[in-house]
Amino acid sequence: IISTILNFEDITELDEGGYGRVFKARKKLESKYYAVKKVKFHESDAKREVTALAELEHLNIVRYYSSWTDKSFECDTQKIICSSSGEDTSQYLYIQMELCEKGTLADWLEKPAKDKLVPLRLFYQTAKGVEYIHSKNLIHRDLKPQNIFLADEKTVKIGDFGLVTTNIIDEKPSCRTENRGTKTYMSLEQLQNKQEYDHKVDIFSLGLILFECLWVYTAMEKRKEWQNIRRGKFIPKFLEQYPEESLLIRKMLSDDAQKRPEASQIAEEIEKYLHGQTYPLKTI
């Protein structure tokens, strides 16, 4: 059965950005809701994202179901009728994915939990998802709280694989397109437009995410302190409250990519802490 947007009904837009648009839609034959991502079709980029999604099957990664190319469409939300748009003849890629309706980690962090173990559990799941991505020889390249989704109050899933790329080609770091990702979460080697880097760019982003899971800043405070945070320079209150975590985050934010720990090591350290042990840190 060939999938098209006409196989869906009750379509509402969830989000729109430079990547495209995301809709919530119910598949007619199943009466089940999915997220459907619509992006301008560029063959190489489209193939990369879809190929990566099809290979990934993990509890902490947004599940992929199907994809297809088609023209744009218009929806009458009152009558819930969709039809091809006559004005736009461009081809679009549609990706049918698992729907996560509890928002993003960025939304969740705006209402921080009093118990620090709660965000650490969510971060642990994120680290496990990244560990799995890296085990498939892939680099996400755009990890940030906005791309981590909540399936429910206790489960996060990594999404938005539009910038995913392979990690190694012929046992050497593969050449990269410059300035891919979100600059505020990019590693130093990405910002310097180095064309050779590996999966450790994701670890840098994870370090910033871990900091945000532990410390709440207003938007103004974040703008003021973010560059210091990226350099591992934390305010005294944070160092006092999170001495072990500070050490771990600094390792993750190291300018030397090879000194950053692996996602598997990070997940292991967080898991030990969640089970009542301290961070040994000597293992990474």
C-alpha atoms as a PDB file:
ATOM      1  CA  ILE A   1       0.000   0.000   0.000  1.00  0.00           C
ATOM      2  CA  ILE A   2       1.483   3.326  -1.048  1.00  0.00           C
ATOM      3  CA  SER A   3       1.318   5.914   1.723  1.00  0.00           C
ATOM      4  CA  THR A   4       0.116   9.424   0.971  1.00  0.00           C
ATOM      5  CA  ILE A   5      -1.210  12.217   3.113  1.00  0.00           C
ATOM      6  CA  LEU A   6      -4.682  11.224   1.886  1.00  0.00           C
ATOM      7  CA  ASN A   7      -4.415   8.135   4.112  1.00  0.00           C
ATOM      8  CA  PHE A   8      -4.596  10.469   7.115  1.00  0.00           C
ATOM      9  CA  GLU A   9      -7.313  12.618   8.657  1.00  0.00           C
ATOM     10  CA  ASP A  10      -7.783  15.032  11.561  1.00  0.00           C
ATOM     11  CA  ILE A  11      -4.539  16.768  10.600  1.00  0.00           C
ATOM     12  CA  THR A  12      -3.259  19.611  12.774  1.00  0.00           C
ATOM     13  CA  GLU A  13       0.084  21.413  12.674  1.00  0.00           C
ATOM     14  CA  LEU A  14       2.311  20.904  15.708  1.00  0.00           C
ATOM     15  CA  ASP A  15       5.427  22.861  14.782  1.00  0.00           C
ATOM     16  CA  GLU A  16       7.158  24.741  11.994  1.00  0.00           C
ATOM     17  CA  GLY A  17      10.784  25.724  11.525  1.00  0.00           C
ATOM     18  CA  GLY A  18      13.697  25.838   9.154  1.00  0.00           C
ATOM     19  CA  TYR A  19      13.583  22.035   8.929  1.00  0.00           C
ATOM     20  CA  GLY A  20       9.988  22.018   7.649  1.00  0.00           C
ATOM     21  CA  ARG A  21       6.661  21.349   9.341  1.00  0.00           C
ATOM     22  CA  VAL A  22       5.357  18.648  11.674  1.00  0.00           C
ATOM     23  CA  PHE A  23       1.719  17.566  11.817  1.00  0.00           C
ATOM     24  CA  LYS A  24      -0.350  15.412  14.115  1.00  0.00           C
ATOM     25  CA  ALA A  25      -2.481  13.120  11.985  1.00  0.00           C
ATOM     26  CA  ARG A  26      -4.694  10.078  12.445  1.00  0.00           C
ATOM     27  CA  LYS A  27      -4.279   7.198  10.037  1.00  0.00           C
ATOM     28  CA  LYS A  28      -7.715   6.293   8.725  1.00  0.00           C
ATOM     29  CA  LEU A  29      -7.401   2.505   8.779  1.00  0.00           C
ATOM     30  CA  GLU A  30      -5.865   2.388  12.251  1.00  0.00           C
ATOM     31  CA  SER A  31      -7.570   5.268  14.089  1.00  0.00           C
ATOM     32  CA  LYS A  32      -4.152   5.945  15.596  1.00  0.00           C
ATOM     33  CA  TYR A  33      -2.312   9.265  15.714  1.00  0.00           C
ATOM     34  CA  TYR A  34       1.185   9.787  14.327  1.00  0.00           C
ATOM     35  CA  ALA A  35       3.592  12.654  13.780  1.00  0.00           C
ATOM     36  CA  VAL A  36       4.110  13.399  10.083  1.00  0.00           C
ATOM     37  CA  LYS A  37       7.119  15.513   9.192  1.00  0.00           C
ATOM     38  CA  LYS A  38       7.042  17.417   5.894  1.00  0.00           C
ATOM     39  CA  VAL A  39      10.289  18.761   4.423  1.00  0.00           C
ATOM     40  CA  LYS A  40      11.378  20.002   1.011  1.00  0.00           C
ATOM     41  CA  PHE A  41      12.697  17.013  -0.896  1.00  0.00           C
ATOM     42  CA  HIS A  42      16.453  17.025  -1.466  1.00  0.00           C
ATOM     43  CA  GLU A  43      17.444  13.523  -2.501  1.00  0.00           C
ATOM     44  CA  SER A  44      20.733  13.164  -0.614  1.00  0.00           C
ATOM     45  CA  ASP A  45      19.480  14.734   2.631  1.00  0.00           C
ATOM     46  CA  ALA A  46      16.179  12.877   2.450  1.00  0.00           C
ATOM     47  CA  LYS A  47      17.852   9.526   1.900  1.00  0.00           C
ATOM     48  CA  ARG A  48      20.244  10.130   4.802  1.00  0.00           C
ATOM     49  CA  GLU A  49      17.523  10.885   7.341  1.00  0.00           C
ATOM     50  CA  VAL A  50      15.158   8.129   6.247  1.00  0.00           C
ATOM     51  CA  THR A  51      17.925   5.521   6.039  1.00  0.00           C
ATOM     52  CA  ALA A  52      19.102   6.407   9.543  1.00  0.00           C
ATOM     53  CA  LEU A  53      15.602   6.364  11.024  1.00  0.00           C
ATOM     54  CA  ALA A  54      14.805   3.018   9.432  1.00  0.00           C
ATOM     55  CA  GLU A  55      17.894   1.470  11.066  1.00  0.00           C
ATOM     56  CA  LEU A  56      17.214   2.801  14.552  1.00  0.00           C
ATOM     57  CA  GLU A  57      14.972   0.896  16.927  1.00  0.00           C
ATOM     58  CA  HIS A  58      15.423   1.864  20.552  1.00  0.00           C
ATOM     59  CA  LEU A  59      13.212   2.802  23.493  1.00  0.00           C
ATOM     60  CA  ASN A  60      14.750   6.283  23.653  1.00  0.00           C
ATOM     61  CA  ILE A  61      14.575   7.148  19.949  1.00  0.00           C
ATOM     62  CA  VAL A  62      11.451   8.322  18.151  1.00  0.00           C
ATOM     63  CA  ARG A  63      10.132   5.358  16.168  1.00  0.00           C
ATOM     64  CA  TYR A  64      10.029   5.530  12.372  1.00  0.00           C
ATOM     65  CA  TYR A  65       7.109   3.968  10.465  1.00  0.00           C
ATOM     66  CA  SER A  66       7.235   4.984   6.807  1.00  0.00           C
ATOM     67  CA  SER A  67       8.106   7.731   4.342  1.00  0.00           C
ATOM     68  CA  TRP A  68       7.088   8.875   0.883  1.00  0.00           C
ATOM     69  CA  THR A  69       7.453  11.770  -1.519  1.00  0.00           C
ATOM     70  CA  ASP A  70       4.512  13.795  -2.767  1.00  0.00           C
ATOM     71  CA  LYS A  71       3.398  17.286  -3.632  1.00  0.00           C
ATOM     72  CA  SER A  72       2.301  19.760  -0.996  1.00  0.00           C
ATOM     73  CA  PHE A  73      -1.225  19.611   0.350  1.00  0.00           C
ATOM     74  CA  GLU A  74      -3.886  21.890   1.764  1.00  0.00           C
ATOM     75  CA  CYS A  75      -6.196  20.954   4.600  1.00  0.00           C
ATOM     76  CA  ASP A  76      -9.652  22.200   5.503  1.00  0.00           C
ATOM     77  CA  THR A  77      -9.483  21.738   9.263  1.00  0.00           C
ATOM     78  CA  GLN A  78     -13.208  22.300   9.631  1.00  0.00           C
ATOM     79  CA  LYS A  79     -14.189  19.532   7.223  1.00  0.00           C
ATOM     80  CA  ILE A  80     -10.979  17.560   7.797  1.00  0.00           C
ATOM     81  CA  ILE A  81     -10.383  17.196   4.070  1.00  0.00           C
ATOM     82  CA  CYS A  82      -6.939  17.185   2.477  1.00  0.00           C
ATOM     83  CA  SER A  83      -6.066  17.624  -1.156  1.00  0.00           C
ATOM     84  CA  SER A  84      -3.006  18.361  -3.280  1.00  0.00           C
ATOM     85  CA  SER A  85      -2.093  22.012  -3.555  1.00  0.00           C
ATOM     86  CA  GLY A  86      -2.360  23.237  -7.127  1.00  0.00           C
ATOM     87  CA  GLU A  87      -0.029  26.178  -6.590  1.00  0.00           C
ATOM     88  CA  ASP A  88       2.998  24.384  -5.146  1.00  0.00           C
ATOM     89  CA  THR A  89       4.361  21.760  -7.541  1.00  0.00           C
ATOM     90  CA  SER A  90       7.537  21.064  -5.516  1.00  0.00           C
ATOM     91  CA  GLN A  91       8.208  17.583  -4.206  1.00  0.00           C
ATOM     92  CA  TYR A  92       8.167  17.072  -0.441  1.00  0.00           C
ATOM     93  CA  LEU A  93       9.360  14.257   1.760  1.00  0.00           C
ATOM     94  CA  TYR A  94       6.839  13.010   4.326  1.00  0.00           C
ATOM     95  CA  ILE A  95       8.066  10.960   7.293  1.00  0.00           C
ATOM     96  CA  GLN A  96       5.565   9.107   9.469  1.00  0.00           C
ATOM     97  CA  MET A  97       6.852   8.761  13.025  1.00  0.00           C
ATOM     98  CA  GLU A  98       5.797   8.006  16.568  1.00  0.00           C
ATOM     99  CA  LEU A  99       3.839  10.862  18.132  1.00  0.00           C
ATOM    100  CA  CYS A 100       5.212  12.221  21.411  1.00  0.00           C
ATOM    101  CA  GLU A 101       2.557  14.513  22.848  1.00  0.00           C
ATOM    102  CA  LYS A 102       4.152  15.545  26.145  1.00  0.00           C
ATOM    103  CA  GLY A 103       6.319  18.234  24.564  1.00  0.00           C
ATOM    104  CA  THR A 104      10.097  18.476  24.500  1.00  0.00           C
ATOM    105  CA  LEU A 105      12.787  18.359  27.155  1.00  0.00           C
ATOM    106  CA  ALA A 106      13.124  22.122  26.606  1.00  0.00           C
ATOM    107  CA  ASP A 107       9.478  22.548  27.641  1.00  0.00           C
ATOM    108  CA  TRP A 108       9.963  20.248  30.621  1.00  0.00           C
ATOM    109  CA  LEU A 109      13.028  22.133  31.840  1.00  0.00           C
ATOM    110  CA  GLU A 110      10.994  25.326  32.119  1.00  0.00           C
ATOM    111  CA  LYS A 111       9.189  23.674  35.054  1.00  0.00           C
ATOM    112  CA  PRO A 112      12.096  22.069  36.904  1.00  0.00           C
ATOM    113  CA  ALA A 113      11.596  19.238  39.374  1.00  0.00           C
ATOM    114  CA  LYS A 114      12.570  19.733  43.007  1.00  0.00           C
ATOM    115  CA  ASP A 115      14.278  16.324  43.091  1.00  0.00           C
ATOM    116  CA  LYS A 116      17.409  16.356  40.902  1.00  0.00           C
ATOM    117  CA  LEU A 117      17.064  12.603  40.354  1.00  0.00           C
ATOM    118  CA  VAL A 118      14.068  13.240  38.095  1.00  0.00           C
ATOM    119  CA  PRO A 119      15.962  15.200  35.395  1.00  0.00           C
ATOM    120  CA  LEU A 120      18.952  12.873  35.821  1.00  0.00           C
ATOM    121  CA  ARG A 121      16.714   9.916  34.922  1.00  0.00           C
ATOM    122  CA  LEU A 122      15.615  11.720  31.777  1.00  0.00           C
ATOM    123  CA  PHE A 123      19.217  12.559  30.962  1.00  0.00           C
ATOM    124  CA  TYR A 124      20.247   8.933  31.520  1.00  0.00           C
ATOM    125  CA  GLN A 125      17.717   7.848  28.910  1.00  0.00           C
ATOM    126  CA  THR A 126      19.056  10.489  26.516  1.00  0.00           C
ATOM    127  CA  ALA A 127      22.601   9.197  27.011  1.00  0.00           C
ATOM    128  CA  LYS A 128      21.414   5.635  26.342  1.00  0.00           C
ATOM    129  CA  GLY A 129      19.765   6.812  23.125  1.00  0.00           C
ATOM    130  CA  VAL A 130      22.988   8.519  22.022  1.00  0.00           C
ATOM    131  CA  GLU A 131      24.970   5.410  22.963  1.00  0.00           C
ATOM    132  CA  TYR A 132      22.724   3.407  20.632  1.00  0.00           C
ATOM    133  CA  ILE A 133      23.041   5.969  17.801  1.00  0.00           C
ATOM    134  CA  HIS A 134      26.832   5.809  18.067  1.00  0.00           C
ATOM    135  CA  SER A 135      26.735   1.997  18.136  1.00  0.00           C
ATOM    136  CA  LYS A 136      25.136   2.223  14.687  1.00  0.00           C
ATOM    137  CA  ASN A 137      28.093   4.305  13.511  1.00  0.00           C
ATOM    138  CA  LEU A 138      25.992   7.456  13.230  1.00  0.00           C
ATOM    139  CA  ILE A 139      26.349  11.025  14.542  1.00  0.00           C
ATOM    140  CA  HIS A 140      23.197  12.989  15.373  1.00  0.00           C
ATOM    141  CA  ARG A 141      24.863  16.438  15.079  1.00  0.00           C
ATOM    142  CA  ASP A 142      21.918  18.422  16.421  1.00  0.00           C
ATOM    143  CA  LEU A 143      21.344  17.276  19.991  1.00  0.00           C
ATOM    144  CA  LYS A 144      19.545  19.873  22.095  1.00  0.00           C
ATOM    145  CA  PRO A 145      16.570  19.883  24.494  1.00  0.00           C
ATOM    146  CA  GLN A 146      14.241  20.935  21.643  1.00  0.00           C
ATOM    147  CA  ASN A 147      15.042  17.693  19.784  1.00  0.00           C
ATOM    148  CA  ILE A 148      14.416  15.421  22.758  1.00  0.00           C
ATOM    149  CA  PHE A 149      10.750  14.509  23.119  1.00  0.00           C
ATOM    150  CA  LEU A 150       8.671  13.217  26.013  1.00  0.00           C
ATOM    151  CA  ALA A 151       6.540  10.182  25.196  1.00  0.00           C
ATOM    152  CA  ASP A 152       5.189  10.368  28.752  1.00  0.00           C
ATOM    153  CA  GLU A 153       6.246  11.931  32.038  1.00  0.00           C
ATOM    154  CA  LYS A 154       9.051   9.390  32.544  1.00  0.00           C
ATOM    155  CA  THR A 155      10.273   8.561  29.030  1.00  0.00           C
ATOM    156  CA  VAL A 156      12.276  10.681  26.595  1.00  0.00           C
ATOM    157  CA  LYS A 157      13.007   9.958  22.948  1.00  0.00           C
ATOM    158  CA  ILE A 158      15.595  11.556  20.689  1.00  0.00           C
ATOM    159  CA  GLY A 159      14.194  12.877  17.416  1.00  0.00           C
ATOM    160  CA  ASP A 160      14.915  15.139  14.449  1.00  0.00           C
ATOM    161  CA  PHE A 161      17.565  13.226  12.522  1.00  0.00           C
ATOM    162  CA  GLY A 162      17.721  15.733   9.692  1.00  0.00           C
ATOM    163  CA  LEU A 163      21.469  16.279  10.183  1.00  0.00           C
ATOM    164  CA  VAL A 164      22.467  12.706  10.974  1.00  0.00           C
ATOM    165  CA  THR A 165      25.607  11.464   9.251  1.00  0.00           C
ATOM    166  CA  THR A 166      27.895   8.453   9.304  1.00  0.00           C
ATOM    167  CA  ASN A 167      30.736   8.421  11.784  1.00  0.00           C
ATOM    168  CA  ILE A 168      33.600   6.645  10.030  1.00  0.00           C
ATOM    169  CA  ILE A 169      34.530   6.124   6.399  1.00  0.00           C
ATOM    170  CA  ASP A 170      37.509   3.883   5.626  1.00  0.00           C
ATOM    171  CA  GLU A 171      38.552   4.085   9.303  1.00  0.00           C
ATOM    172  CA  LYS A 172      39.062   7.845   9.071  1.00  0.00           C
ATOM    173  CA  PRO A 173      36.787  10.696  10.216  1.00  0.00           C
ATOM    174  CA  SER A 174      34.590  11.552   7.247  1.00  0.00           C
ATOM    175  CA  CYS A 175      34.467  15.023   5.737  1.00  0.00           C
ATOM    176  CA  ARG A 176      31.609  17.147   7.012  1.00  0.00           C
ATOM    177  CA  THR A 177      29.475  19.959   5.750  1.00  0.00           C
ATOM    178  CA  GLU A 178      30.342  23.170   7.599  1.00  0.00           C
ATOM    179  CA  ASN A 179      28.115  24.716  10.270  1.00  0.00           C
ATOM    180  CA  ARG A 180      25.572  21.924  10.492  1.00  0.00           C
ATOM    181  CA  GLY A 181      23.575  22.011  13.712  1.00  0.00           C
ATOM    182  CA  THR A 182      22.532  24.578  16.296  1.00  0.00           C
ATOM    183  CA  LYS A 183      25.432  26.907  17.095  1.00  0.00           C
ATOM    184  CA  THR A 184      24.660  27.246  20.794  1.00  0.00           C
ATOM    185  CA  TYR A 185      25.093  23.467  21.182  1.00  0.00           C
ATOM    186  CA  MET A 186      27.875  22.949  18.618  1.00  0.00           C
ATOM    187  CA  SER A 187      31.274  21.677  19.668  1.00  0.00           C
ATOM    188  CA  LEU A 188      34.381  23.797  19.187  1.00  0.00           C
ATOM    189  CA  GLU A 189      35.512  21.710  16.214  1.00  0.00           C
ATOM    190  CA  GLN A 190      32.173  22.300  14.473  1.00  0.00           C
ATOM    191  CA  LEU A 191      32.248  26.053  15.126  1.00  0.00           C
ATOM    192  CA  GLN A 192      35.783  26.220  13.751  1.00  0.00           C
ATOM    193  CA  ASN A 193      34.491  24.655  10.525  1.00  0.00           C
ATOM    194  CA  LYS A 194      36.794  21.695  10.797  1.00  0.00           C
ATOM    195  CA  GLN A 195      35.805  19.241   8.107  1.00  0.00           C
ATOM    196  CA  GLU A 196      36.966  16.223  10.052  1.00  0.00           C
ATOM    197  CA  TYR A 197      35.303  15.338  13.324  1.00  0.00           C
ATOM    198  CA  ASP A 198      33.601  12.327  14.825  1.00  0.00           C
ATOM    199  CA  HIS A 199      30.797  11.271  17.160  1.00  0.00           C
ATOM    200  CA  LYS A 200      32.381  13.171  20.061  1.00  0.00           C
ATOM    201  CA  VAL A 201      30.576  16.325  18.818  1.00  0.00           C
ATOM    202  CA  ASP A 202      27.422  14.735  20.244  1.00  0.00           C
ATOM    203  CA  ILE A 203      29.127  14.339  23.631  1.00  0.00           C
ATOM    204  CA  PHE A 204      29.797  18.076  23.778  1.00  0.00           C
ATOM    205  CA  SER A 205      26.106  18.762  23.187  1.00  0.00           C
ATOM    206  CA  LEU A 206      25.211  16.183  25.847  1.00  0.00           C
ATOM    207  CA  GLY A 207      27.397  18.014  28.355  1.00  0.00           C
ATOM    208  CA  LEU A 208      25.419  21.202  27.854  1.00  0.00           C
ATOM    209  CA  ILE A 209      22.150  19.284  28.123  1.00  0.00           C
ATOM    210  CA  LEU A 210      23.285  17.704  31.405  1.00  0.00           C
ATOM    211  CA  PHE A 211      24.076  21.146  32.778  1.00  0.00           C
ATOM    212  CA  GLU A 212      20.595  22.373  31.823  1.00  0.00           C
ATOM    213  CA  CYS A 213      19.008  19.340  33.477  1.00  0.00           C
ATOM    214  CA  LEU A 214      20.633  20.352  36.756  1.00  0.00           C
ATOM    215  CA  TRP A 215      20.568  24.150  36.738  1.00  0.00           C
ATOM    216  CA  VAL A 216      17.756  26.549  35.887  1.00  0.00           C
ATOM    217  CA  TYR A 217      18.608  29.844  34.228  1.00  0.00           C
ATOM    218  CA  THR A 218      16.297  32.560  33.040  1.00  0.00           C
ATOM    219  CA  ALA A 219      16.650  33.386  29.337  1.00  0.00           C
ATOM    220  CA  MET A 220      18.609  36.516  30.254  1.00  0.00           C
ATOM    221  CA  GLU A 221      20.946  34.647  32.615  1.00  0.00           C
ATOM    222  CA  LYS A 222      21.513  31.973  29.991  1.00  0.00           C
ATOM    223  CA  ARG A 223      22.493  34.528  27.353  1.00  0.00           C
ATOM    224  CA  LYS A 224      24.923  36.098  29.789  1.00  0.00           C
ATOM    225  CA  GLU A 225      26.539  32.901  31.083  1.00  0.00           C
ATOM    226  CA  TRP A 226      26.277  30.492  28.136  1.00  0.00           C
ATOM    227  CA  GLN A 227      29.773  31.068  26.732  1.00  0.00           C
ATOM    228  CA  ASN A 228      31.270  30.486  30.183  1.00  0.00           C
ATOM    229  CA  ILE A 229      29.238  27.289  30.525  1.00  0.00           C
ATOM    230  CA  ARG A 230      30.506  26.083  27.151  1.00  0.00           C
ATOM    231  CA  ARG A 231      34.049  26.543  28.477  1.00  0.00           C
ATOM    232  CA  GLY A 232      33.273  24.625  31.661  1.00  0.00           C
ATOM    233  CA  LYS A 233      33.372  27.766  33.772  1.00  0.00           C
ATOM    234  CA  PHE A 234      30.503  27.402  36.234  1.00  0.00           C
ATOM    235  CA  ILE A 235      29.218  29.781  38.879  1.00  0.00           C
ATOM    236  CA  PRO A 236      30.308  28.977  42.491  1.00  0.00           C
ATOM    237  CA  LYS A 237      26.787  27.933  43.533  1.00  0.00           C
ATOM    238  CA  PHE A 238      26.685  25.261  40.841  1.00  0.00           C
ATOM    239  CA  LEU A 239      30.135  23.955  41.784  1.00  0.00           C
ATOM    240  CA  GLU A 240      29.122  23.819  45.436  1.00  0.00           C
ATOM    241  CA  GLN A 241      25.832  22.045  44.775  1.00  0.00           C
ATOM    242  CA  TYR A 242      27.044  19.694  42.033  1.00  0.00           C
ATOM    243  CA  PRO A 243      30.774  18.999  42.565  1.00  0.00           C
ATOM    244  CA  GLU A 244      30.818  15.517  40.979  1.00  0.00           C
ATOM    245  CA  GLU A 245      28.513  16.491  38.143  1.00  0.00           C
ATOM    246  CA  SER A 246      30.730  19.497  37.403  1.00  0.00           C
ATOM    247  CA  LEU A 247      33.709  17.193  36.865  1.00  0.00           C
ATOM    248  CA  LEU A 248      31.731  14.992  34.497  1.00  0.00           C
ATOM    249  CA  ILE A 249      30.344  17.917  32.505  1.00  0.00           C
ATOM    250  CA  ARG A 250      33.800  19.482  32.147  1.00  0.00           C
ATOM    251  CA  LYS A 251      35.099  16.220  30.694  1.00  0.00           C
ATOM    252  CA  MET A 252      32.199  16.206  28.228  1.00  0.00           C
ATOM    253  CA  LEU A 253      32.946  19.820  27.217  1.00  0.00           C
ATOM    254  CA  SER A 254      36.680  19.295  26.723  1.00  0.00           C
ATOM    255  CA  ASP A 255      38.177  21.216  23.773  1.00  0.00           C
ATOM    256  CA  ASP A 256      40.075  18.023  22.983  1.00  0.00           C
ATOM    257  CA  ALA A 257      37.377  15.781  21.515  1.00  0.00           C
ATOM    258  CA  GLN A 258      39.340  12.621  22.269  1.00  0.00           C
ATOM    259  CA  LYS A 259      39.279  13.428  25.990  1.00  0.00           C
ATOM    260  CA  ARG A 260      35.489  13.462  26.053  1.00  0.00           C
ATOM    261  CA  PRO A 261      34.000  10.238  27.424  1.00  0.00           C
ATOM    262  CA  GLU A 262      31.867   7.891  25.348  1.00  0.00           C
ATOM    263  CA  ALA A 263      28.094   7.994  25.720  1.00  0.00           C
ATOM    264  CA  SER A 264      28.225   4.482  27.187  1.00  0.00           C
ATOM    265  CA  GLN A 265      30.600   5.675  29.929  1.00  0.00           C
ATOM    266  CA  ILE A 266      28.402   8.686  30.708  1.00  0.00           C
ATOM    267  CA  ALA A 267      25.307   6.492  30.958  1.00  0.00           C
ATOM    268  CA  GLU A 268      27.175   4.095  33.231  1.00  0.00           C
ATOM    269  CA  GLU A 269      28.243   6.894  35.587  1.00  0.00           C
ATOM    270  CA  ILE A 270      24.730   8.355  35.762  1.00  0.00           C
ATOM    271  CA  GLU A 271      23.229   4.910  36.344  1.00  0.00           C
ATOM    272  CA  LYS A 272      25.584   4.318  39.276  1.00  0.00           C
ATOM    273  CA  TYR A 273      24.558   7.643  40.780  1.00  0.00           C
ATOM    274  CA  LEU A 274      20.851   6.867  40.328  1.00  0.00           C
ATOM    275  CA  HIS A 275      21.405   3.623  42.226  1.00  0.00           C
ATOM    276  CA  GLY A 276      22.883   5.448  45.197  1.00  0.00           C
ATOM    277  CA  GLN A 277      26.545   5.346  44.296  1.00  0.00           C
ATOM    278  CA  THR A 278      28.823   8.328  43.811  1.00  0.00           C
ATOM    279  CA  TYR A 279      30.467   9.233  40.509  1.00  0.00           C
ATOM    280  CA  PRO A 280      33.787   7.306  40.458  1.00  0.00           C
ATOM    281  CA  LEU A 281      34.874   9.305  37.364  1.00  0.00           C
ATOM    282  CA  LYS A 282      38.208   7.497  37.383  1.00  0.00           C
ATOM    283  CA  THR A 283      36.932   5.206  34.667  1.00  0.00           C
ATOM    284  CA  ILE A 284      36.451   8.013  32.136  1.00  0.00           C
END
